[in-house]
């Protein structure tokens, strides 16, 4: 599995540690696993940890925005209102995930 999923209902948080090579598709796959997990509750906050991965800096914006739009359309309503954090290990990865988050905000 390209990520490790931990859910703690007592602190209302899901922790997703991404491992291996970066793949935007793993964000959606982890979302499916979170939604189907018996401890998941609507509105539960989350932390995605990408700190051990490097997001390719040459990933085109249209790819990032397209993945963001697909994710926003498929999952935002299912998770309801929650707080989230994305943790990265370098500035270039931060820039790409920031594009992902900013593009998602356009589709809400």
PDB file of N, CA and C in Angstrom:
ATOM      1  N   UNK A   1       0.856  -1.179   0.000  1.00  0.00           N
ATOM      2  CA  UNK A   1       0.000   0.000   0.000  1.00  0.00           C
ATOM      3  C   UNK A   1       0.903   1.244   0.000  1.00  0.00           C
ATOM      4  N   UNK A   2       0.586   2.248  -0.811  1.00  0.00           N
ATOM      5  CA  UNK A   2       1.430   3.441  -0.920  1.00  0.00           C
ATOM      6  C   UNK A   2       1.213   4.468   0.187  1.00  0.00           C
ATOM      7  N   UNK A   3       0.460   4.104   1.212  1.00  0.00           N
ATOM      8  CA  UNK A   3       0.242   5.009   2.339  1.00  0.00           C
ATOM      9  C   UNK A   3      -0.138   4.189   3.566  1.00  0.00           C
ATOM     10  N   UNK A   4       0.056   4.805   4.715  1.00  0.00           N
ATOM     11  CA  UNK A   4      -0.329   4.206   5.992  1.00  0.00           C
ATOM     12  C   UNK A   4      -1.453   5.067   6.540  1.00  0.00           C
ATOM     13  N   UNK A   5      -2.537   4.447   6.947  1.00  0.00           N
ATOM     14  CA  UNK A   5      -3.721   5.162   7.416  1.00  0.00           C
ATOM     15  C   UNK A   5      -3.964   4.863   8.889  1.00  0.00           C
ATOM     16  N   UNK A   6      -4.038   5.931   9.683  1.00  0.00           N
ATOM     17  CA  UNK A   6      -4.386   5.816  11.097  1.00  0.00           C
ATOM     18  C   UNK A   6      -5.550   6.765  11.370  1.00  0.00           C
ATOM     19  N   UNK A   7      -6.560   6.279  12.064  1.00  0.00           N
ATOM     20  CA  UNK A   7      -7.716   7.108  12.394  1.00  0.00           C
ATOM     21  C   UNK A   7      -7.925   7.062  13.900  1.00  0.00           C
ATOM     22  N   UNK A   8      -8.039   8.238  14.504  1.00  0.00           N
ATOM     23  CA  UNK A   8      -8.288   8.331  15.942  1.00  0.00           C
ATOM     24  C   UNK A   8      -9.549   9.152  16.172  1.00  0.00           C
ATOM     25  N   UNK A   9     -10.681   8.490  16.375  1.00  0.00           N
ATOM     26  CA  UNK A   9     -11.938   9.217  16.575  1.00  0.00           C
ATOM     27  C   UNK A   9     -11.940  10.098  17.821  1.00  0.00           C
ATOM     28  N   UNK A  10     -11.144   9.738  18.819  1.00  0.00           N
ATOM     29  CA  UNK A  10     -11.118  10.529  20.052  1.00  0.00           C
ATOM     30  C   UNK A  10     -10.540  11.919  19.838  1.00  0.00           C
ATOM     31  N   UNK A  11      -9.639  12.050  18.872  1.00  0.00           N
ATOM     32  CA  UNK A  11      -9.096  13.377  18.563  1.00  0.00           C
ATOM     33  C   UNK A  11      -9.629  13.899  17.233  1.00  0.00           C
ATOM     34  N   UNK A  12     -10.597  13.181  16.657  1.00  0.00           N
ATOM     35  CA  UNK A  12     -11.261  13.596  15.428  1.00  0.00           C
ATOM     36  C   UNK A  12     -10.265  13.830  14.288  1.00  0.00           C
ATOM     37  N   UNK A  13      -9.343  12.871  14.095  1.00  0.00           N
ATOM     38  CA  UNK A  13      -8.312  13.080  13.084  1.00  0.00           C
ATOM     39  C   UNK A  13      -7.931  11.788  12.371  1.00  0.00           C
ATOM     40  N   UNK A  14      -7.662  11.946  11.080  1.00  0.00           N
ATOM     41  CA  UNK A  14      -7.129  10.876  10.250  1.00  0.00           C
ATOM     42  C   UNK A  14      -5.707  11.265   9.861  1.00  0.00           C
ATOM     43  N   UNK A  15      -4.782  10.339   9.974  1.00  0.00           N
ATOM     44  CA  UNK A  15      -3.392  10.579   9.610  1.00  0.00           C
ATOM     45  C   UNK A  15      -3.051   9.651   8.454  1.00  0.00           C
ATOM     46  N   UNK A  16      -2.564  10.237   7.358  1.00  0.00           N
ATOM     47  CA  UNK A  16      -2.221   9.462   6.178  1.00  0.00           C
ATOM     48  C   UNK A  16      -0.761   9.746   5.844  1.00  0.00           C
ATOM     49  N   UNK A  17       0.099   8.753   6.019  1.00  0.00           N
ATOM     50  CA  UNK A  17       1.525   8.881   5.696  1.00  0.00           C
ATOM     51  C   UNK A  17       1.753   8.247   4.340  1.00  0.00           C
ATOM     52  N   UNK A  18       2.133   9.057   3.367  1.00  0.00           N
ATOM     53  CA  UNK A  18       2.380   8.576   2.005  1.00  0.00           C
ATOM     54  C   UNK A  18       3.825   8.101   1.907  1.00  0.00           C
ATOM     55  N   UNK A  19       4.000   6.925   1.328  1.00  0.00           N
ATOM     56  CA  UNK A  19       5.328   6.329   1.211  1.00  0.00           C
ATOM     57  C   UNK A  19       5.569   5.933  -0.245  1.00  0.00           C
ATOM     58  N   UNK A  20       6.823   5.713  -0.579  1.00  0.00           N
ATOM     59  CA  UNK A  20       7.164   5.311  -1.947  1.00  0.00           C
ATOM     60  C   UNK A  20       7.160   6.493  -2.896  1.00  0.00           C
ATOM     61  N   UNK A  21       7.013   6.187  -4.162  1.00  0.00           N
ATOM     62  CA  UNK A  21       7.027   7.222  -5.199  1.00  0.00           C
ATOM     63  C   UNK A  21       5.705   7.986  -5.203  1.00  0.00           C
ATOM     64  N   UNK A  22       5.775   9.289  -5.403  1.00  0.00           N
ATOM     65  CA  UNK A  22       4.577  10.123  -5.391  1.00  0.00           C
ATOM     66  C   UNK A  22       3.665   9.796  -6.566  1.00  0.00           C
ATOM     67  N   UNK A  23       2.362   9.751  -6.280  1.00  0.00           N
ATOM     68  CA  UNK A  23       1.334   9.528  -7.296  1.00  0.00           C
ATOM     69  C   UNK A  23       0.075  10.254  -6.812  1.00  0.00           C
ATOM     70  N   UNK A  24      -0.410  11.239  -7.579  1.00  0.00           N
ATOM     71  CA  UNK A  24      -1.625  11.963  -7.186  1.00  0.00           C
ATOM     72  C   UNK A  24      -2.792  11.013  -6.943  1.00  0.00           C
ATOM     73  N   UNK A  25      -2.849   9.936  -7.670  1.00  0.00           N
ATOM     74  CA  UNK A  25      -3.934   8.980  -7.522  1.00  0.00           C
ATOM     75  C   UNK A  25      -4.025   8.396  -6.121  1.00  0.00           C
ATOM     76  N   UNK A  26      -2.919   8.385  -5.399  1.00  0.00           N
ATOM     77  CA  UNK A  26      -2.941   7.840  -4.040  1.00  0.00           C
ATOM     78  C   UNK A  26      -3.727   8.722  -3.072  1.00  0.00           C
ATOM     79  N   UNK A  27      -3.888   9.988  -3.392  1.00  0.00           N
ATOM     80  CA  UNK A  27      -4.719  10.852  -2.546  1.00  0.00           C
ATOM     81  C   UNK A  27      -6.168  10.380  -2.634  1.00  0.00           C
ATOM     82  N   UNK A  28      -6.626  10.103  -3.850  1.00  0.00           N
ATOM     83  CA  UNK A  28      -7.999   9.614  -4.028  1.00  0.00           C
ATOM     84  C   UNK A  28      -8.160   8.210  -3.454  1.00  0.00           C
ATOM     85  N   UNK A  29      -7.166   7.349  -3.666  1.00  0.00           N
ATOM     86  CA  UNK A  29      -7.263   5.993  -3.109  1.00  0.00           C
ATOM     87  C   UNK A  29      -7.332   6.031  -1.587  1.00  0.00           C
ATOM     88  N   UNK A  30      -6.541   6.905  -0.975  1.00  0.00           N
ATOM     89  CA  UNK A  30      -6.593   7.004   0.490  1.00  0.00           C
ATOM     90  C   UNK A  30      -7.934   7.579   0.931  1.00  0.00           C
ATOM     91  N   UNK A  31      -8.516   8.456   0.125  1.00  0.00           N
ATOM     92  CA  UNK A  31      -9.829   9.012   0.461  1.00  0.00           C
ATOM     93  C   UNK A  31     -10.879   7.908   0.500  1.00  0.00           C
ATOM     94  N   UNK A  32     -10.852   7.012  -0.470  1.00  0.00           N
ATOM     95  CA  UNK A  32     -11.795   5.890  -0.482  1.00  0.00           C
ATOM     96  C   UNK A  32     -11.622   5.031   0.768  1.00  0.00           C
ATOM     97  N   UNK A  33     -10.371   4.750   1.113  1.00  0.00           N
ATOM     98  CA  UNK A  33     -10.113   3.934   2.302  1.00  0.00           C
ATOM     99  C   UNK A  33     -10.578   4.638   3.577  1.00  0.00           C
ATOM    100  N   UNK A  34     -10.392   5.951   3.638  1.00  0.00           N
ATOM    101  CA  UNK A  34     -10.840   6.696   4.824  1.00  0.00           C
ATOM    102  C   UNK A  34     -12.359   6.667   4.935  1.00  0.00           C
ATOM    103  N   UNK A  35     -13.037   6.900   3.823  1.00  0.00           N
ATOM    104  CA  UNK A  35     -14.500   6.906   3.846  1.00  0.00           C
ATOM    105  C   UNK A  35     -15.077   5.543   4.222  1.00  0.00           C
ATOM    106  N   UNK A  36     -14.391   4.482   3.846  1.00  0.00           N
ATOM    107  CA  UNK A  36     -14.878   3.131   4.111  1.00  0.00           C
ATOM    108  C   UNK A  36     -14.401   2.565   5.444  1.00  0.00           C
ATOM    109  N   UNK A  37     -13.550   3.293   6.133  1.00  0.00           N
ATOM    110  CA  UNK A  37     -13.012   2.817   7.411  1.00  0.00           C
ATOM    111  C   UNK A  37     -14.099   2.871   8.485  1.00  0.00           C
ATOM    112  N   UNK A  38     -14.204   1.851   9.327  1.00  0.00           N
ATOM    113  CA  UNK A  38     -15.266   1.843  10.342  1.00  0.00           C
ATOM    114  C   UNK A  38     -15.161   2.970  11.373  1.00  0.00           C
ATOM    115  N   UNK A  39     -13.973   3.538  11.557  1.00  0.00           N
ATOM    116  CA  UNK A  39     -13.814   4.631  12.530  1.00  0.00           C
ATOM    117  C   UNK A  39     -14.024   6.020  11.922  1.00  0.00           C
ATOM    118  N   UNK A  40     -14.252   6.078  10.611  1.00  0.00           N
ATOM    119  CA  UNK A  40     -14.450   7.382   9.970  1.00  0.00           C
ATOM    120  C   UNK A  40     -15.762   8.017  10.422  1.00  0.00           C
ATOM    121  N   UNK A  41     -15.710   9.335  10.659  1.00  0.00           N
ATOM    122  CA  UNK A  41     -16.901  10.113  10.988  1.00  0.00           C
ATOM    123  C   UNK A  41     -16.918  11.342  10.083  1.00  0.00           C
ATOM    124  N   UNK A  42     -18.106  11.760   9.679  1.00  0.00           N
ATOM    125  CA  UNK A  42     -18.216  12.967   8.847  1.00  0.00           C
ATOM    126  C   UNK A  42     -17.592  14.151   9.572  1.00  0.00           C
ATOM    127  N   UNK A  43     -16.873  14.977   8.837  1.00  0.00           N
ATOM    128  CA  UNK A  43     -16.256  16.168   9.404  1.00  0.00           C
ATOM    129  C   UNK A  43     -14.946  15.908  10.115  1.00  0.00           C
ATOM    130  N   UNK A  44     -14.425  14.691  10.028  1.00  0.00           N
ATOM    131  CA  UNK A  44     -13.171  14.356  10.700  1.00  0.00           C
ATOM    132  C   UNK A  44     -12.003  15.058  10.005  1.00  0.00           C
ATOM    133  N   UNK A  45     -11.130  15.683  10.798  1.00  0.00           N
ATOM    134  CA  UNK A  45      -9.963  16.382  10.263  1.00  0.00           C
ATOM    135  C   UNK A  45      -8.930  15.377   9.746  1.00  0.00           C
ATOM    136  N   UNK A  46      -7.942  15.890   8.994  1.00  0.00           N
ATOM    137  CA  UNK A  46      -6.942  14.984   8.426  1.00  0.00           C
ATOM    138  C   UNK A  46      -5.578  15.647   8.319  1.00  0.00           C
ATOM    139  N   UNK A  47      -4.568  14.803   8.274  1.00  0.00           N
ATOM    140  CA  UNK A  47      -3.188  15.219   8.009  1.00  0.00           C
ATOM    141  C   UNK A  47      -2.634  14.256   6.966  1.00  0.00           C
ATOM    142  N   UNK A  48      -2.223  14.795   5.835  1.00  0.00           N
ATOM    143  CA  UNK A  48      -1.518  14.015   4.812  1.00  0.00           C
ATOM    144  C   UNK A  48      -0.040  14.322   4.965  1.00  0.00           C
ATOM    145  N   UNK A  49       0.766  13.308   5.174  1.00  0.00           N
ATOM    146  CA  UNK A  49       2.210  13.486   5.330  1.00  0.00           C
ATOM    147  C   UNK A  49       2.916  12.984   4.074  1.00  0.00           C
ATOM    148  N   UNK A  50       3.438  13.927   3.287  1.00  0.00           N
ATOM    149  CA  UNK A  50       4.198  13.627   2.081  1.00  0.00           C
ATOM    150  C   UNK A  50       5.687  13.890   2.293  1.00  0.00           C
ATOM    151  N   UNK A  51       6.122  14.004   3.552  1.00  0.00           N
ATOM    152  CA  UNK A  51       7.471  14.481   3.852  1.00  0.00           C
ATOM    153  C   UNK A  51       8.580  13.573   3.337  1.00  0.00           C
ATOM    154  N   UNK A  52       8.296  12.308   3.094  1.00  0.00           N
ATOM    155  CA  UNK A  52       9.323  11.400   2.579  1.00  0.00           C
ATOM    156  C   UNK A  52       9.239  11.233   1.068  1.00  0.00           C
ATOM    157  N   UNK A  53       8.383  12.000   0.427  1.00  0.00           N
ATOM    158  CA  UNK A  53       8.235  11.935  -1.025  1.00  0.00           C
ATOM    159  C   UNK A  53       8.639  13.270  -1.629  1.00  0.00           C
ATOM    160  N   UNK A  54       9.089  13.225  -2.858  1.00  0.00           N
ATOM    161  CA  UNK A  54       9.316  14.465  -3.598  1.00  0.00           C
ATOM    162  C   UNK A  54       8.329  14.487  -4.755  1.00  0.00           C
ATOM    163  N   UNK A  55       7.526  15.535  -4.780  1.00  0.00           N
ATOM    164  CA  UNK A  55       6.582  15.705  -5.877  1.00  0.00           C
ATOM    165  C   UNK A  55       7.367  16.272  -7.052  1.00  0.00           C
ATOM    166  N   UNK A  56       7.274  15.650  -8.219  1.00  0.00           N
ATOM    167  CA  UNK A  56       8.066  16.112  -9.354  1.00  0.00           C
ATOM    168  C   UNK A  56       7.840  17.605  -9.633  1.00  0.00           C
ATOM    169  N   UNK A  57       8.905  18.406  -9.599  1.00  0.00           N
ATOM    170  CA  UNK A  57       8.746  19.846  -9.814  1.00  0.00           C
ATOM    171  C   UNK A  57       8.313  20.204 -11.229  1.00  0.00           C
ATOM    172  N   UNK A  58       8.518  19.289 -12.179  1.00  0.00           N
ATOM    173  CA  UNK A  58       8.140  19.565 -13.561  1.00  0.00           C
ATOM    174  C   UNK A  58       6.730  19.087 -13.891  1.00  0.00           C
ATOM    175  N   UNK A  59       5.983  18.677 -12.880  1.00  0.00           N
ATOM    176  CA  UNK A  59       4.598  18.250 -13.086  1.00  0.00           C
ATOM    177  C   UNK A  59       3.802  19.445 -13.606  1.00  0.00           C
ATOM    178  N   UNK A  60       3.217  19.356 -14.802  1.00  0.00           N
ATOM    179  CA  UNK A  60       2.523  20.504 -15.391  1.00  0.00           C
ATOM    180  C   UNK A  60       1.311  20.945 -14.556  1.00  0.00           C
ATOM    181  N   UNK A  61       1.067  22.241 -14.548  1.00  0.00           N
ATOM    182  CA  UNK A  61      -0.042  22.782 -13.769  1.00  0.00           C
ATOM    183  C   UNK A  61      -1.375  22.170 -14.193  1.00  0.00           C
ATOM    184  N   UNK A  62      -1.588  21.950 -15.497  1.00  0.00           N
ATOM    185  CA  UNK A  62      -2.871  21.392 -15.933  1.00  0.00           C
ATOM    186  C   UNK A  62      -3.105  19.996 -15.355  1.00  0.00           C
ATOM    187  N   UNK A  63      -2.044  19.239 -15.107  1.00  0.00           N
ATOM    188  CA  UNK A  63      -2.181  17.925 -14.478  1.00  0.00           C
ATOM    189  C   UNK A  63      -2.578  18.097 -13.015  1.00  0.00           C
ATOM    190  N   UNK A  64      -1.886  19.010 -12.321  1.00  0.00           N
ATOM    191  CA  UNK A  64      -2.185  19.276 -10.910  1.00  0.00           C
ATOM    192  C   UNK A  64      -3.622  19.778 -10.764  1.00  0.00           C
ATOM    193  N   UNK A  65      -4.006  20.741 -11.592  1.00  0.00           N
ATOM    194  CA  UNK A  65      -5.356  21.309 -11.516  1.00  0.00           C
ATOM    195  C   UNK A  65      -6.411  20.267 -11.875  1.00  0.00           C
ATOM    196  N   UNK A  66      -6.120  19.427 -12.860  1.00  0.00           N
ATOM    197  CA  UNK A  66      -7.071  18.386 -13.251  1.00  0.00           C
ATOM    198  C   UNK A  66      -7.302  17.376 -12.134  1.00  0.00           C
ATOM    199  N   UNK A  67      -6.234  16.954 -11.480  1.00  0.00           N
ATOM    200  CA  UNK A  67      -6.364  16.033 -10.343  1.00  0.00           C
ATOM    201  C   UNK A  67      -7.126  16.706  -9.208  1.00  0.00           C
ATOM    202  N   UNK A  68      -6.846  17.966  -8.999  1.00  0.00           N
ATOM    203  CA  UNK A  68      -7.510  18.710  -7.938  1.00  0.00           C
ATOM    204  C   UNK A  68      -9.011  18.815  -8.199  1.00  0.00           C
ATOM    205  N   UNK A  69      -9.362  19.126  -9.421  1.00  0.00           N
ATOM    206  CA  UNK A  69     -10.781  19.240  -9.780  1.00  0.00           C
ATOM    207  C   UNK A  69     -11.486  17.902  -9.618  1.00  0.00           C
ATOM    208  N   UNK A  70     -10.849  16.835 -10.072  1.00  0.00           N
ATOM    209  CA  UNK A  70     -11.437  15.501  -9.956  1.00  0.00           C
ATOM    210  C   UNK A  70     -11.636  15.146  -8.485  1.00  0.00           C
ATOM    211  N   UNK A  71     -10.627  15.413  -7.661  1.00  0.00           N
ATOM    212  CA  UNK A  71     -10.732  15.097  -6.241  1.00  0.00           C
ATOM    213  C   UNK A  71     -11.831  15.926  -5.583  1.00  0.00           C
ATOM    214  N   UNK A  72     -11.856  17.219  -5.877  1.00  0.00           N
ATOM    215  CA  UNK A  72     -12.868  18.102  -5.278  1.00  0.00           C
ATOM    216  C   UNK A  72     -14.269  17.645  -5.651  1.00  0.00           C
ATOM    217  N   UNK A  73     -14.468  17.294  -6.901  1.00  0.00           N
ATOM    218  CA  UNK A  73     -15.791  16.849  -7.351  1.00  0.00           C
ATOM    219  C   UNK A  73     -16.196  15.511  -6.736  1.00  0.00           C
ATOM    220  N   UNK A  74     -15.235  14.613  -6.577  1.00  0.00           N
ATOM    221  CA  UNK A  74     -15.546  13.266  -6.100  1.00  0.00           C
ATOM    222  C   UNK A  74     -15.622  13.152  -4.578  1.00  0.00           C
ATOM    223  N   UNK A  75     -14.883  13.999  -3.849  1.00  0.00           N
ATOM    224  CA  UNK A  75     -14.738  13.734  -2.425  1.00  0.00           C
ATOM    225  C   UNK A  75     -15.105  14.850  -1.455  1.00  0.00           C
ATOM    226  N   UNK A  76     -15.041  16.099  -1.866  1.00  0.00           N
ATOM    227  CA  UNK A  76     -15.244  17.177  -0.889  1.00  0.00           C
ATOM    228  C   UNK A  76     -16.567  17.073  -0.142  1.00  0.00           C
ATOM    229  N   UNK A  77     -17.657  16.799  -0.839  1.00  0.00           N
ATOM    230  CA  UNK A  77     -18.949  16.678  -0.166  1.00  0.00           C
ATOM    231  C   UNK A  77     -19.015  15.460   0.739  1.00  0.00           C
ATOM    232  N   UNK A  78     -18.320  14.408   0.378  1.00  0.00           N
ATOM    233  CA  UNK A  78     -18.339  13.186   1.178  1.00  0.00           C
ATOM    234  C   UNK A  78     -17.644  13.367   2.525  1.00  0.00           C
ATOM    235  N   UNK A  79     -16.645  14.260   2.570  1.00  0.00           N
ATOM    236  CA  UNK A  79     -15.928  14.481   3.824  1.00  0.00           C
ATOM    237  C   UNK A  79     -16.567  15.576   4.668  1.00  0.00           C
ATOM    238  N   UNK A  80     -17.448  16.357   4.078  1.00  0.00           N
ATOM    239  CA  UNK A  80     -18.116  17.437   4.780  1.00  0.00           C
ATOM    240  C   UNK A  80     -17.090  18.491   5.191  1.00  0.00           C
ATOM    241  N   UNK A  81     -17.465  19.325   6.123  1.00  0.00           N
ATOM    242  CA  UNK A  81     -16.565  20.398   6.566  1.00  0.00           C
ATOM    243  C   UNK A  81     -15.556  19.833   7.545  1.00  0.00           C
ATOM    244  N   UNK A  82     -14.288  19.954   7.190  1.00  0.00           N
ATOM    245  CA  UNK A  82     -13.227  19.472   8.060  1.00  0.00           C
ATOM    246  C   UNK A  82     -11.989  20.338   7.835  1.00  0.00           C
ATOM    247  N   UNK A  83     -11.032  20.181   8.721  1.00  0.00           N
ATOM    248  CA  UNK A  83      -9.761  20.890   8.592  1.00  0.00           C
ATOM    249  C   UNK A  83      -8.724  19.890   8.133  1.00  0.00           C
ATOM    250  N   UNK A  84      -7.788  20.378   7.343  1.00  0.00           N
ATOM    251  CA  UNK A  84      -6.757  19.483   6.836  1.00  0.00           C
ATOM    252  C   UNK A  84      -5.406  20.137   6.793  1.00  0.00           C
ATOM    253  N   UNK A  85      -4.388  19.307   6.803  1.00  0.00           N
ATOM    254  CA  UNK A  85      -3.014  19.767   6.691  1.00  0.00           C
ATOM    255  C   UNK A  85      -2.267  18.849   5.740  1.00  0.00           C
ATOM    256  N   UNK A  86      -1.405  19.441   4.949  1.00  0.00           N
ATOM    257  CA  UNK A  86      -0.537  18.689   4.053  1.00  0.00           C
ATOM    258  C   UNK A  86       0.893  18.990   4.462  1.00  0.00           C
ATOM    259  N   UNK A  87       1.657  17.968   4.771  1.00  0.00           N
ATOM    260  CA  UNK A  87       3.036  18.119   5.227  1.00  0.00           C
ATOM    261  C   UNK A  87       3.955  17.627   4.120  1.00  0.00           C
ATOM    262  N   UNK A  88       4.943  18.448   3.760  1.00  0.00           N
ATOM    263  CA  UNK A  88       5.901  18.076   2.721  1.00  0.00           C
ATOM    264  C   UNK A  88       7.315  18.243   3.253  1.00  0.00           C
ATOM    265  N   UNK A  89       8.278  17.742   2.484  1.00  0.00           N
ATOM    266  CA  UNK A  89       9.657  17.777   2.936  1.00  0.00           C
ATOM    267  C   UNK A  89      10.538  18.779   2.225  1.00  0.00           C
ATOM    268  N   UNK A  90      10.021  19.446   1.178  1.00  0.00           N
ATOM    269  CA  UNK A  90      10.853  20.413   0.457  1.00  0.00           C
ATOM    270  C   UNK A  90       9.979  21.487  -0.190  1.00  0.00           C
ATOM    271  N   UNK A  91      10.609  22.573  -0.575  1.00  0.00           N
ATOM    272  CA  UNK A  91       9.896  23.746  -1.094  1.00  0.00           C
ATOM    273  C   UNK A  91       9.206  23.462  -2.433  1.00  0.00           C
ATOM    274  N   UNK A  92       9.818  22.676  -3.297  1.00  0.00           N
ATOM    275  CA  UNK A  92       9.211  22.398  -4.601  1.00  0.00           C
ATOM    276  C   UNK A  92       7.959  21.548  -4.451  1.00  0.00           C
ATOM    277  N   UNK A  93       7.986  20.596  -3.520  1.00  0.00           N
ATOM    278  CA  UNK A  93       6.793  19.796  -3.256  1.00  0.00           C
ATOM    279  C   UNK A  93       5.701  20.668  -2.664  1.00  0.00           C
ATOM    280  N   UNK A  94       6.096  21.602  -1.795  1.00  0.00           N
ATOM    281  CA  UNK A  94       5.120  22.539  -1.225  1.00  0.00           C
ATOM    282  C   UNK A  94       4.435  23.322  -2.336  1.00  0.00           C
ATOM    283  N   UNK A  95       5.210  23.787  -3.302  1.00  0.00           N
ATOM    284  CA  UNK A  95       4.649  24.581  -4.399  1.00  0.00           C
ATOM    285  C   UNK A  95       3.614  23.780  -5.181  1.00  0.00           C
ATOM    286  N   UNK A  96       3.899  22.514  -5.472  1.00  0.00           N
ATOM    287  CA  UNK A  96       2.956  21.692  -6.235  1.00  0.00           C
ATOM    288  C   UNK A  96       1.695  21.392  -5.434  1.00  0.00           C
ATOM    289  N   UNK A  97       1.828  21.061  -4.150  1.00  0.00           N
ATOM    290  CA  UNK A  97       0.635  20.798  -3.350  1.00  0.00           C
ATOM    291  C   UNK A  97      -0.162  22.066  -3.105  1.00  0.00           C
ATOM    292  N   UNK A  98       0.526  23.204  -3.050  1.00  0.00           N
ATOM    293  CA  UNK A  98      -0.183  24.473  -2.909  1.00  0.00           C
ATOM    294  C   UNK A  98      -1.035  24.723  -4.158  1.00  0.00           C
ATOM    295  N   UNK A  99      -0.506  24.394  -5.332  1.00  0.00           N
ATOM    296  CA  UNK A  99      -1.292  24.514  -6.561  1.00  0.00           C
ATOM    297  C   UNK A  99      -2.515  23.608  -6.488  1.00  0.00           C
ATOM    298  N   UNK A 100      -2.339  22.397  -5.971  1.00  0.00           N
ATOM    299  CA  UNK A 100      -3.439  21.432  -5.838  1.00  0.00           C
ATOM    300  C   UNK A 100      -4.538  21.993  -4.939  1.00  0.00           C
ATOM    301  N   UNK A 101      -4.156  22.549  -3.804  1.00  0.00           N
ATOM    302  CA  UNK A 101      -5.127  23.109  -2.844  1.00  0.00           C
ATOM    303  C   UNK A 101      -5.811  24.336  -3.417  1.00  0.00           C
ATOM    304  N   UNK A 102      -5.052  25.219  -4.027  1.00  0.00           N
ATOM    305  CA  UNK A 102      -5.632  26.440  -4.605  1.00  0.00           C
ATOM    306  C   UNK A 102      -6.609  26.101  -5.731  1.00  0.00           C
ATOM    307  N   UNK A 103      -6.252  25.133  -6.558  1.00  0.00           N
ATOM    308  CA  UNK A 103      -7.154  24.740  -7.647  1.00  0.00           C
ATOM    309  C   UNK A 103      -8.425  24.124  -7.065  1.00  0.00           C
ATOM    310  N   UNK A 104      -8.303  23.323  -6.008  1.00  0.00           N
ATOM    311  CA  UNK A 104      -9.483  22.709  -5.384  1.00  0.00           C
ATOM    312  C   UNK A 104     -10.426  23.761  -4.852  1.00  0.00           C
ATOM    313  N   UNK A 105      -9.888  24.856  -4.337  1.00  0.00           N
ATOM    314  CA  UNK A 105     -10.739  25.930  -3.787  1.00  0.00           C
ATOM    315  C   UNK A 105     -11.615  26.534  -4.882  1.00  0.00           C
ATOM    316  N   UNK A 106     -11.153  26.513  -6.107  1.00  0.00           N
ATOM    317  CA  UNK A 106     -11.939  27.058  -7.220  1.00  0.00           C
ATOM    318  C   UNK A 106     -13.161  26.204  -7.529  1.00  0.00           C
ATOM    319  N   UNK A 107     -13.104  24.932  -7.180  1.00  0.00           N
ATOM    320  CA  UNK A 107     -14.178  24.013  -7.551  1.00  0.00           C
ATOM    321  C   UNK A 107     -15.162  23.745  -6.422  1.00  0.00           C
ATOM    322  N   UNK A 108     -15.041  24.452  -5.323  1.00  0.00           N
ATOM    323  CA  UNK A 108     -15.969  24.233  -4.208  1.00  0.00           C
ATOM    324  C   UNK A 108     -17.136  25.142  -4.293  1.00  0.00           C
TER     325      UNK A 108
END
